Each structure stands twice: as C-alpha cells, then as structure tokens.
PDB file of N, CA and C in Angstrom:
ATOM      1  N   UNK A   1       0.838  -1.173   0.000  1.00  0.00           N
ATOM      2  CA  UNK A   1       0.000   0.000   0.000  1.00  0.00           C
ATOM      3  C   UNK A   1       0.888   1.243   0.000  1.00  0.00           C
ATOM      4  N   UNK A   2       0.641   2.128  -0.900  1.00  0.00           N
ATOM      5  CA  UNK A   2       1.388   3.374  -0.985  1.00  0.00           C
ATOM      6  C   UNK A   2       0.754   4.408  -0.067  1.00  0.00           C
ATOM      7  N   UNK A   3       1.570   5.068   0.731  1.00  0.00           N
ATOM      8  CA  UNK A   3       1.094   6.098   1.657  1.00  0.00           C
ATOM      9  C   UNK A   3       1.077   7.429   0.916  1.00  0.00           C
ATOM     10  N   UNK A   4      -0.105   8.027   0.805  1.00  0.00           N
ATOM     11  CA  UNK A   4      -0.284   9.218  -0.011  1.00  0.00           C
ATOM     12  C   UNK A   4      -0.598  10.448   0.833  1.00  0.00           C
ATOM     13  N   UNK A   5      -0.615  11.600   0.169  1.00  0.00           N
ATOM     14  CA  UNK A   5      -1.025  12.828   0.845  1.00  0.00           C
ATOM     15  C   UNK A   5      -2.472  12.713   1.314  1.00  0.00           C
ATOM     16  N   UNK A   6      -3.296  12.005   0.559  1.00  0.00           N
ATOM     17  CA  UNK A   6      -4.687  11.784   0.939  1.00  0.00           C
ATOM     18  C   UNK A   6      -4.773  11.003   2.247  1.00  0.00           C
ATOM     19  N   UNK A   7      -3.885  10.025   2.406  1.00  0.00           N
ATOM     20  CA  UNK A   7      -3.841   9.257   3.645  1.00  0.00           C
ATOM     21  C   UNK A   7      -3.473  10.157   4.823  1.00  0.00           C
ATOM     22  N   UNK A   8      -2.549  11.073   4.587  1.00  0.00           N
ATOM     23  CA  UNK A   8      -2.188  12.033   5.641  1.00  0.00           C
ATOM     24  C   UNK A   8      -3.385  12.897   6.010  1.00  0.00           C
ATOM     25  N   UNK A   9      -4.153  13.325   5.013  1.00  0.00           N
ATOM     26  CA  UNK A   9      -5.361  14.118   5.268  1.00  0.00           C
ATOM     27  C   UNK A   9      -6.353  13.331   6.123  1.00  0.00           C
ATOM     28  N   UNK A  10      -6.516  12.064   5.809  1.00  0.00           N
ATOM     29  CA  UNK A  10      -7.446  11.217   6.547  1.00  0.00           C
ATOM     30  C   UNK A  10      -7.000  11.083   7.995  1.00  0.00           C
ATOM     31  N   UNK A  11      -5.731  10.832   8.219  1.00  0.00           N
ATOM     32  CA  UNK A  11      -5.223  10.706   9.585  1.00  0.00           C
ATOM     33  C   UNK A  11      -5.314  12.035  10.342  1.00  0.00           C
ATOM     34  N   UNK A  12      -5.021  13.117   9.673  1.00  0.00           N
ATOM     35  CA  UNK A  12      -5.130  14.431  10.314  1.00  0.00           C
ATOM     36  C   UNK A  12      -6.577  14.733  10.669  1.00  0.00           C
ATOM     37  N   UNK A  13      -7.485  14.381   9.789  1.00  0.00           N
ATOM     38  CA  UNK A  13      -8.907  14.576  10.062  1.00  0.00           C
ATOM     39  C   UNK A  13      -9.328  13.731  11.258  1.00  0.00           C
ATOM     40  N   UNK A  14      -8.911  12.482  11.301  1.00  0.00           N
ATOM     41  CA  UNK A  14      -9.280  11.589  12.403  1.00  0.00           C
ATOM     42  C   UNK A  14      -8.770  12.128  13.736  1.00  0.00           C
ATOM     43  N   UNK A  15      -7.635  12.801  13.708  1.00  0.00           N
ATOM     44  CA  UNK A  15      -7.072  13.365  14.934  1.00  0.00           C
ATOM     45  C   UNK A  15      -7.865  14.557  15.445  1.00  0.00           C
ATOM     46  N   UNK A  16      -8.604  15.219  14.561  1.00  0.00           N
ATOM     47  CA  UNK A  16      -9.246  16.466  14.983  1.00  0.00           C
ATOM     48  C   UNK A  16     -10.713  16.601  14.605  1.00  0.00           C
ATOM     49  N   UNK A  17     -11.351  15.555  14.133  1.00  0.00           N
ATOM     50  CA  UNK A  17     -12.730  15.684  13.660  1.00  0.00           C
ATOM     51  C   UNK A  17     -13.670  16.179  14.748  1.00  0.00           C
ATOM     52  N   UNK A  18     -13.403  15.826  15.984  1.00  0.00           N
ATOM     53  CA  UNK A  18     -14.293  16.190  17.087  1.00  0.00           C
ATOM     54  C   UNK A  18     -14.300  17.692  17.374  1.00  0.00           C
ATOM     55  N   UNK A  19     -13.343  18.427  16.840  1.00  0.00           N
ATOM     56  CA  UNK A  19     -13.328  19.876  17.041  1.00  0.00           C
ATOM     57  C   UNK A  19     -14.229  20.592  16.044  1.00  0.00           C
ATOM     58  N   UNK A  20     -14.723  19.881  15.063  1.00  0.00           N
ATOM     59  CA  UNK A  20     -15.576  20.470  14.033  1.00  0.00           C
ATOM     60  C   UNK A  20     -17.049  20.333  14.447  1.00  0.00           C
ATOM     61  N   UNK A  21     -17.869  21.290  14.069  1.00  0.00           N
ATOM     62  CA  UNK A  21     -19.290  21.190  14.406  1.00  0.00           C
ATOM     63  C   UNK A  21     -19.990  20.132  13.554  1.00  0.00           C
ATOM     64  N   UNK A  22     -21.040  19.567  14.105  1.00  0.00           N
ATOM     65  CA  UNK A  22     -21.864  18.631  13.351  1.00  0.00           C
ATOM     66  C   UNK A  22     -21.395  17.197  13.444  1.00  0.00           C
ATOM     67  N   UNK A  23     -22.170  16.308  12.833  1.00  0.00           N
ATOM     68  CA  UNK A  23     -21.840  14.879  12.850  1.00  0.00           C
ATOM     69  C   UNK A  23     -20.567  14.570  12.062  1.00  0.00           C
ATOM     70  N   UNK A  24     -19.895  13.530  12.492  1.00  0.00           N
ATOM     71  CA  UNK A  24     -18.644  13.134  11.843  1.00  0.00           C
ATOM     72  C   UNK A  24     -18.869  12.756  10.385  1.00  0.00           C
ATOM     73  N   UNK A  25     -19.929  12.024  10.102  1.00  0.00           N
ATOM     74  CA  UNK A  25     -20.188  11.588   8.718  1.00  0.00           C
ATOM     75  C   UNK A  25     -20.323  12.788   7.789  1.00  0.00           C
ATOM     76  N   UNK A  26     -20.985  13.815   8.263  1.00  0.00           N
ATOM     77  CA  UNK A  26     -21.141  15.024   7.456  1.00  0.00           C
ATOM     78  C   UNK A  26     -19.798  15.726   7.257  1.00  0.00           C
ATOM     79  N   UNK A  27     -18.989  15.772   8.315  1.00  0.00           N
ATOM     80  CA  UNK A  27     -17.669  16.402   8.219  1.00  0.00           C
ATOM     81  C   UNK A  27     -16.773  15.640   7.241  1.00  0.00           C
ATOM     82  N   UNK A  28     -16.883  14.318   7.212  1.00  0.00           N
ATOM     83  CA  UNK A  28     -16.106  13.515   6.258  1.00  0.00           C
ATOM     84  C   UNK A  28     -16.473  13.910   4.835  1.00  0.00           C
ATOM     85  N   UNK A  29     -17.767  14.030   4.579  1.00  0.00           N
ATOM     86  CA  UNK A  29     -18.221  14.408   3.232  1.00  0.00           C
ATOM     87  C   UNK A  29     -17.748  15.807   2.855  1.00  0.00           C
ATOM     88  N   UNK A  30     -17.897  16.768   3.778  1.00  0.00           N
ATOM     89  CA  UNK A  30     -17.579  18.164   3.490  1.00  0.00           C
ATOM     90  C   UNK A  30     -16.071  18.396   3.385  1.00  0.00           C
ATOM     91  N   UNK A  31     -15.321  17.927   4.367  1.00  0.00           N
ATOM     92  CA  UNK A  31     -13.895  18.248   4.432  1.00  0.00           C
ATOM     93  C   UNK A  31     -13.003  17.330   3.598  1.00  0.00           C
ATOM     94  N   UNK A  32     -13.432  16.088   3.418  1.00  0.00           N
ATOM     95  CA  UNK A  32     -12.612  15.155   2.651  1.00  0.00           C
ATOM     96  C   UNK A  32     -13.216  14.816   1.292  1.00  0.00           C
ATOM     97  N   UNK A  33     -14.484  15.119   1.112  1.00  0.00           N
ATOM     98  CA  UNK A  33     -15.134  14.851  -0.168  1.00  0.00           C
ATOM     99  C   UNK A  33     -15.257  13.378  -0.483  1.00  0.00           C
ATOM    100  N   UNK A  34     -15.497  12.569   0.546  1.00  0.00           N
ATOM    101  CA  UNK A  34     -15.644  11.132   0.335  1.00  0.00           C
ATOM    102  C   UNK A  34     -16.766  10.609   1.225  1.00  0.00           C
ATOM    103  N   UNK A  35     -17.265   9.443   0.882  1.00  0.00           N
ATOM    104  CA  UNK A  35     -18.327   8.854   1.685  1.00  0.00           C
ATOM    105  C   UNK A  35     -17.744   8.334   2.994  1.00  0.00           C
ATOM    106  N   UNK A  36     -18.546   8.300   4.050  1.00  0.00           N
ATOM    107  CA  UNK A  36     -18.064   7.732   5.307  1.00  0.00           C
ATOM    108  C   UNK A  36     -17.603   6.277   5.163  1.00  0.00           C
ATOM    109  N   UNK A  37     -18.278   5.513   4.321  1.00  0.00           N
ATOM    110  CA  UNK A  37     -17.889   4.114   4.112  1.00  0.00           C
ATOM    111  C   UNK A  37     -16.475   4.013   3.556  1.00  0.00           C
ATOM    112  N   UNK A  38     -16.193   4.802   2.541  1.00  0.00           N
ATOM    113  CA  UNK A  38     -14.854   4.802   1.956  1.00  0.00           C
ATOM    114  C   UNK A  38     -13.815   5.304   2.962  1.00  0.00           C
ATOM    115  N   UNK A  39     -14.191   6.315   3.724  1.00  0.00           N
ATOM    116  CA  UNK A  39     -13.308   6.872   4.755  1.00  0.00           C
ATOM    117  C   UNK A  39     -12.910   5.790   5.765  1.00  0.00           C
ATOM    118  N   UNK A  40     -13.898   5.094   6.311  1.00  0.00           N
ATOM    119  CA  UNK A  40     -13.602   4.077   7.321  1.00  0.00           C
ATOM    120  C   UNK A  40     -12.845   2.890   6.736  1.00  0.00           C
ATOM    121  N   UNK A  41     -13.120   2.558   5.505  1.00  0.00           N
ATOM    122  CA  UNK A  41     -12.397   1.471   4.846  1.00  0.00           C
ATOM    123  C   UNK A  41     -10.911   1.824   4.718  1.00  0.00           C
ATOM    124  N   UNK A  42     -10.647   3.058   4.278  1.00  0.00           N
ATOM    125  CA  UNK A  42      -9.259   3.489   4.117  1.00  0.00           C
ATOM    126  C   UNK A  42      -8.571   3.622   5.474  1.00  0.00           C
ATOM    127  N   UNK A  43      -9.280   4.154   6.458  1.00  0.00           N
ATOM    128  CA  UNK A  43      -8.731   4.303   7.799  1.00  0.00           C
ATOM    129  C   UNK A  43      -8.354   2.941   8.380  1.00  0.00           C
ATOM    130  N   UNK A  44      -9.193   1.944   8.161  1.00  0.00           N
ATOM    131  CA  UNK A  44      -8.906   0.595   8.646  1.00  0.00           C
ATOM    132  C   UNK A  44      -7.640   0.035   7.995  1.00  0.00           C
ATOM    133  N   UNK A  45      -7.441   0.327   6.726  1.00  0.00           N
ATOM    134  CA  UNK A  45      -6.227  -0.128   6.041  1.00  0.00           C
ATOM    135  C   UNK A  45      -5.000   0.608   6.572  1.00  0.00           C
ATOM    136  N   UNK A  46      -5.165   1.873   6.904  1.00  0.00           N
ATOM    137  CA  UNK A  46      -4.031   2.664   7.389  1.00  0.00           C
ATOM    138  C   UNK A  46      -3.555   2.238   8.771  1.00  0.00           C
ATOM    139  N   UNK A  47      -4.429   1.657   9.559  1.00  0.00           N
ATOM    140  CA  UNK A  47      -4.083   1.268  10.924  1.00  0.00           C
ATOM    141  C   UNK A  47      -2.882   0.322  10.962  1.00  0.00           C
ATOM    142  N   UNK A  48      -2.714  -0.476   9.948  1.00  0.00           N
ATOM    143  CA  UNK A  48      -1.611  -1.434   9.919  1.00  0.00           C
ATOM    144  C   UNK A  48      -0.404  -0.943   9.127  1.00  0.00           C
ATOM    145  N   UNK A  49      -0.410   0.317   8.759  1.00  0.00           N
ATOM    146  CA  UNK A  49       0.669   0.874   7.959  1.00  0.00           C
ATOM    147  C   UNK A  49       1.736   1.533   8.841  1.00  0.00           C
ATOM    148  N   UNK A  50       2.972   1.162   8.628  1.00  0.00           N
ATOM    149  CA  UNK A  50       4.073   1.781   9.379  1.00  0.00           C
ATOM    150  C   UNK A  50       4.242   3.252   9.015  1.00  0.00           C
ATOM    151  N   UNK A  51       3.928   3.599   7.769  1.00  0.00           N
ATOM    152  CA  UNK A  51       3.993   5.007   7.362  1.00  0.00           C
ATOM    153  C   UNK A  51       2.974   5.829   8.129  1.00  0.00           C
ATOM    154  N   UNK A  52       1.800   5.246   8.379  1.00  0.00           N
ATOM    155  CA  UNK A  52       0.767   5.933   9.148  1.00  0.00           C
ATOM    156  C   UNK A  52       1.217   6.135  10.587  1.00  0.00           C
ATOM    157  N   UNK A  53       1.886   5.143  11.152  1.00  0.00           N
ATOM    158  CA  UNK A  53       2.416   5.276  12.515  1.00  0.00           C
ATOM    159  C   UNK A  53       3.442   6.397  12.564  1.00  0.00           C
ATOM    160  N   UNK A  54       4.278   6.481  11.561  1.00  0.00           N
ATOM    161  CA  UNK A  54       5.291   7.532  11.527  1.00  0.00           C
ATOM    162  C   UNK A  54       4.657   8.914  11.408  1.00  0.00           C
ATOM    163  N   UNK A  55       3.545   9.012  10.687  1.00  0.00           N
ATOM    164  CA  UNK A  55       2.880  10.308  10.483  1.00  0.00           C
ATOM    165  C   UNK A  55       2.036  10.716  11.685  1.00  0.00           C
ATOM    166  N   UNK A  56       1.279   9.791  12.241  1.00  0.00           N
ATOM    167  CA  UNK A  56       0.353  10.112  13.337  1.00  0.00           C
ATOM    168  C   UNK A  56       0.321   8.965  14.351  1.00  0.00           C
ATOM    169  N   UNK A  57       1.380   8.813  15.135  1.00  0.00           N
ATOM    170  CA  UNK A  57       1.464   7.657  16.032  1.00  0.00           C
ATOM    171  C   UNK A  57       0.332   7.572  17.056  1.00  0.00           C
ATOM    172  N   UNK A  58      -0.060   8.675  17.648  1.00  0.00           N
ATOM    173  CA  UNK A  58      -1.110   8.623  18.667  1.00  0.00           C
ATOM    174  C   UNK A  58      -2.446   8.191  18.079  1.00  0.00           C
ATOM    175  N   UNK A  59      -2.766   8.700  16.900  1.00  0.00           N
ATOM    176  CA  UNK A  59      -4.027   8.343  16.238  1.00  0.00           C
ATOM    177  C   UNK A  59      -4.022   6.860  15.891  1.00  0.00           C
ATOM    178  N   UNK A  60      -2.958   6.385  15.285  1.00  0.00           N
ATOM    179  CA  UNK A  60      -2.891   4.982  14.860  1.00  0.00           C
ATOM    180  C   UNK A  60      -2.921   4.046  16.059  1.00  0.00           C
ATOM    181  N   UNK A  61      -2.194   4.378  17.119  1.00  0.00           N
ATOM    182  CA  UNK A  61      -2.198   3.515  18.305  1.00  0.00           C
ATOM    183  C   UNK A  61      -3.577   3.496  18.968  1.00  0.00           C
ATOM    184  N   UNK A  62      -4.277   4.637  18.983  1.00  0.00           N
ATOM    185  CA  UNK A  62      -5.637   4.676  19.527  1.00  0.00           C
ATOM    186  C   UNK A  62      -6.567   3.800  18.695  1.00  0.00           C
ATOM    187  N   UNK A  63      -6.467   3.909  17.373  1.00  0.00           N
ATOM    188  CA  UNK A  63      -7.311   3.102  16.495  1.00  0.00           C
ATOM    189  C   UNK A  63      -7.010   1.610  16.630  1.00  0.00           C
ATOM    190  N   UNK A  64      -5.741   1.270  16.759  1.00  0.00           N
ATOM    191  CA  UNK A  64      -5.375  -0.136  16.950  1.00  0.00           C
ATOM    192  C   UNK A  64      -5.939  -0.659  18.264  1.00  0.00           C
ATOM    193  N   UNK A  65      -5.816   0.135  19.327  1.00  0.00           N
ATOM    194  CA  UNK A  65      -6.316  -0.274  20.634  1.00  0.00           C
ATOM    195  C   UNK A  65      -7.836  -0.491  20.593  1.00  0.00           C
ATOM    196  N   UNK A  66      -8.562   0.424  19.965  1.00  0.00           N
ATOM    197  CA  UNK A  66     -10.014   0.286  19.872  1.00  0.00           C
ATOM    198  C   UNK A  66     -10.406  -0.917  19.020  1.00  0.00           C
ATOM    199  N   UNK A  67      -9.664  -1.145  17.929  1.00  0.00           N
ATOM    200  CA  UNK A  67      -9.937  -2.310  17.087  1.00  0.00           C
ATOM    201  C   UNK A  67      -9.738  -3.596  17.890  1.00  0.00           C
ATOM    202  N   UNK A  68      -8.637  -3.653  18.638  1.00  0.00           N
ATOM    203  CA  UNK A  68      -8.355  -4.844  19.442  1.00  0.00           C
ATOM    204  C   UNK A  68      -9.404  -5.046  20.530  1.00  0.00           C
ATOM    205  N   UNK A  69      -9.873  -3.952  21.139  1.00  0.00           N
ATOM    206  CA  UNK A  69     -10.923  -4.054  22.157  1.00  0.00           C
ATOM    207  C   UNK A  69     -12.213  -4.612  21.549  1.00  0.00           C
ATOM    208  N   UNK A  70     -12.571  -4.117  20.375  1.00  0.00           N
ATOM    209  CA  UNK A  70     -13.793  -4.605  19.719  1.00  0.00           C
ATOM    210  C   UNK A  70     -13.666  -6.083  19.362  1.00  0.00           C
ATOM    211  N   UNK A  71     -12.509  -6.495  18.882  1.00  0.00           N
ATOM    212  CA  UNK A  71     -12.304  -7.912  18.556  1.00  0.00           C
ATOM    213  C   UNK A  71     -12.419  -8.773  19.808  1.00  0.00           C
ATOM    214  N   UNK A  72     -11.775  -8.319  20.877  1.00  0.00           N
ATOM    215  CA  UNK A  72     -11.810  -9.068  22.127  1.00  0.00           C
ATOM    216  C   UNK A  72     -13.248  -9.182  22.645  1.00  0.00           C
ATOM    217  N   UNK A  73     -14.017  -8.101  22.552  1.00  0.00           N
ATOM    218  CA  UNK A  73     -15.412  -8.118  22.995  1.00  0.00           C
ATOM    219  C   UNK A  73     -16.240  -9.105  22.177  1.00  0.00           C
ATOM    220  N   UNK A  74     -15.980  -9.178  20.882  1.00  0.00           N
ATOM    221  CA  UNK A  74     -16.729 -10.109  20.037  1.00  0.00           C
ATOM    222  C   UNK A  74     -16.464 -11.553  20.422  1.00  0.00           C
ATOM    223  N   UNK A  75     -15.224 -11.865  20.769  1.00  0.00           N
ATOM    224  CA  UNK A  75     -14.862 -13.246  21.042  1.00  0.00           C
ATOM    225  C   UNK A  75     -15.002 -13.635  22.505  1.00  0.00           C
ATOM    226  N   UNK A  76     -14.780 -12.694  23.407  1.00  0.00           N
ATOM    227  CA  UNK A  76     -14.806 -13.015  24.831  1.00  0.00           C
ATOM    228  C   UNK A  76     -16.029 -12.463  25.546  1.00  0.00           C
ATOM    229  N   UNK A  77     -16.785 -11.630  24.896  1.00  0.00           N
ATOM    230  CA  UNK A  77     -17.901 -10.968  25.549  1.00  0.00           C
ATOM    231  C   UNK A  77     -17.443  -9.629  26.109  1.00  0.00           C
ATOM    232  N   UNK A  78     -18.392  -8.830  26.521  1.00  0.00           N
ATOM    233  CA  UNK A  78     -18.076  -7.492  27.027  1.00  0.00           C
ATOM    234  C   UNK A  78     -17.683  -7.598  28.484  1.00  0.00           C
ATOM    235  N   UNK A  79     -16.508  -7.097  28.798  1.00  0.00           N
ATOM    236  CA  UNK A  79     -16.015  -7.098  30.172  1.00  0.00           C
ATOM    237  C   UNK A  79     -16.382  -5.785  30.844  1.00  0.00           C
ATOM    238  N   UNK A  80     -16.234  -5.744  32.134  1.00  0.00           N
ATOM    239  CA  UNK A  80     -16.449  -4.504  32.882  1.00  0.00           C
ATOM    240  C   UNK A  80     -15.404  -3.484  32.444  1.00  0.00           C
ATOM    241  N   UNK A  81     -15.832  -2.272  32.073  1.00  0.00           N
ATOM    242  CA  UNK A  81     -14.849  -1.263  31.668  1.00  0.00           C
ATOM    243  C   UNK A  81     -13.970  -0.865  32.849  1.00  0.00           C
ATOM    244  N   UNK A  82     -12.682  -0.762  32.611  1.00  0.00           N
ATOM    245  CA  UNK A  82     -11.745  -0.369  33.661  1.00  0.00           C
ATOM    246  C   UNK A  82     -11.594   1.132  33.746  1.00  0.00           C
ATOM    247  N   UNK A  83     -11.947   1.815  32.691  1.00  0.00           N
ATOM    248  CA  UNK A  83     -11.881   3.269  32.652  1.00  0.00           C
ATOM    249  C   UNK A  83     -12.975   3.770  31.722  1.00  0.00           C
ATOM    250  N   UNK A  84     -13.436   4.968  31.933  1.00  0.00           N
ATOM    251  CA  UNK A  84     -14.495   5.481  31.057  1.00  0.00           C
ATOM    252  C   UNK A  84     -13.982   5.707  29.646  1.00  0.00           C
ATOM    253  N   UNK A  85     -14.835   5.407  28.666  1.00  0.00           N
ATOM    254  CA  UNK A  85     -14.485   5.669  27.267  1.00  0.00           C
ATOM    255  C   UNK A  85     -14.563   7.142  26.989  1.00  0.00           C
ATOM    256  N   UNK A  86     -13.689   7.606  26.153  1.00  0.00           N
ATOM    257  CA  UNK A  86     -13.690   9.025  25.790  1.00  0.00           C
ATOM    258  C   UNK A  86     -14.142   9.195  24.390  1.00  0.00           C
TER     259      UNK A  86
END
C-alpha cells in the first residue's frame, strides 16, 4: 500500500474531527469529499501501515487499541470497563 497525501489528510482529520461542528459523517463528506464508508475502509487499512504510525502515532495507536478491544469483545464478551471511554 502506498502512503499518499490523501492518507495524511485522513489521519489528520481523524485526529481532529471532534473539534468540528456537526456529525462526523457530514464532516467527512464536506472536508474530505468522500463517503463515510470509503473513509472508514481506508482508515482501517491505514491502521496497519508503518507510514501511518510515523505520520500520526497517537491516532494509529488509539485506532489499533479500539480495534483490538472490539475484537476481544466479540470473542470473549463485554467485560467490565476499567476506565471510562472518551
């Protein structure tokens, strides 16, 4: 997978989308000009990219952690949360 400027835009958006007004899906359409489905598909691919880690380590590590939590919940069931979700 080639790491592009578009990928950097996606990671930068993911790092700051919550500062924008309105729903995230709408912000994806307006600011990135892509459907939310395509956005999440590309974001999921970027999570395993070393170039993405180099560009936005905190974002990628957060996404990896959440992905792993969701996988664990699917296979082991939902455990008691140890800390509040943000």
